Amino acid sequence: MKADSMLVEILDDGSLKVSIDPVSAANHGSAENLLKKVIDSLGGEVTTTHKHGKKMHSHTHKAGQSHHQH
């Protein structure tokens, strides 16, 4: 069985790029929680690009609420 993985890169501008392949059902909730905690602690804008090219944008507020546009 292939392990689930995330690749985190720190870009030249200081932003983070996280690349994720499909995550197993057993680890999906943990992966989502980890990403939410990272986003909440860093704040700012979040841009999501699915591997099939669909682009989404969201941002977080200090209260930790994430607003997504699909």
Protein backbone atom coordinates (compact mmCIF):
# COMPACT_ATOMS: atom_id res chain seq x y z
CA MET A 1 0.00 0.00 0.00
CA LYS A 2 1.35 3.42 -1.00
CA ALA A 3 1.72 5.92 1.86
CA ASP A 4 -0.19 9.20 1.68
CA SER A 5 2.09 12.19 1.28
CA MET A 6 2.20 15.98 1.07
CA LEU A 7 5.06 17.99 -0.40
CA VAL A 8 5.60 21.38 1.26
CA GLU A 9 7.83 23.91 -0.50
CA ILE A 10 8.88 27.34 0.78
CA LEU A 11 9.00 29.62 -2.26
CA ASP A 12 11.39 32.54 -2.81
CA ASP A 13 8.69 35.03 -1.75
CA GLY A 14 8.23 33.21 1.58
CA SER A 15 4.89 31.66 0.66
CA LEU A 16 4.18 27.96 1.01
CA LYS A 17 3.25 25.59 -1.79
CA VAL A 18 1.65 22.30 -0.73
CA SER A 19 1.23 19.53 -3.31
CA ILE A 20 -1.04 16.65 -2.38
CA ASP A 21 -1.87 13.48 -4.25
CA PRO A 22 -5.16 11.77 -3.45
CA VAL A 23 -5.32 10.86 0.25
CA SER A 24 -6.76 7.60 1.54
CA ALA A 25 -10.10 7.65 3.31
CA ALA A 26 -8.38 6.61 6.55
CA ASN A 27 -6.13 9.71 6.50
CA HIS A 28 -8.40 12.25 4.79
CA GLY A 29 -9.70 13.86 8.00
CA SER A 30 -6.22 14.15 9.51
CA ALA A 31 -4.85 15.72 6.33
CA GLU A 32 -7.67 18.28 6.24
CA ASN A 33 -7.17 19.15 9.91
CA LEU A 34 -3.43 19.62 9.40
CA LEU A 35 -3.94 21.95 6.45
CA LYS A 36 -6.61 23.95 8.30
CA LYS A 37 -4.25 24.42 11.27
CA VAL A 38 -1.41 25.57 9.01
CA ILE A 39 -3.69 28.00 7.16
CA ASP A 40 -5.20 29.33 10.39
CA SER A 41 -1.80 29.89 12.00
CA LEU A 42 -0.29 31.61 8.94
CA GLY A 43 -3.40 33.51 7.79
CA GLY A 44 -3.45 35.41 4.53
CA GLU A 45 -4.64 34.31 1.13
CA VAL A 46 -4.99 30.74 -0.05
CA THR A 47 -5.06 29.81 -3.72
CA THR A 48 -5.91 26.22 -4.58
CA THR A 49 -5.18 24.74 -7.99
CA HIS A 50 -6.42 21.23 -8.63
CA LYS A 51 -4.15 19.05 -10.68
CA HIS A 52 -6.70 19.07 -13.49
CA GLY A 53 -6.29 22.86 -13.70
CA LYS A 54 -9.38 24.20 -11.91
CA LYS A 55 -8.34 27.18 -9.78
CA MET A 56 -10.05 28.25 -6.54
CA HIS A 57 -9.29 31.11 -4.16
CA SER A 58 -9.97 31.60 -0.47
CA HIS A 59 -8.71 33.67 2.41
CA THR A 60 -8.70 33.43 6.17
CA HIS A 61 -9.52 35.95 8.86
CA LYS A 62 -7.92 36.27 12.28
CA ALA A 63 -10.79 34.32 13.81
CA GLY A 64 -9.61 31.34 11.78
CA GLN A 65 -12.63 31.23 9.51
CA SER A 66 -11.84 30.19 5.98
CA HIS A 67 -14.04 31.42 3.16
CA HIS A 68 -13.84 29.38 -0.01
CA GLN A 69 -14.88 30.09 -3.56
CA HIS A 70 -15.46 27.00 -5.69
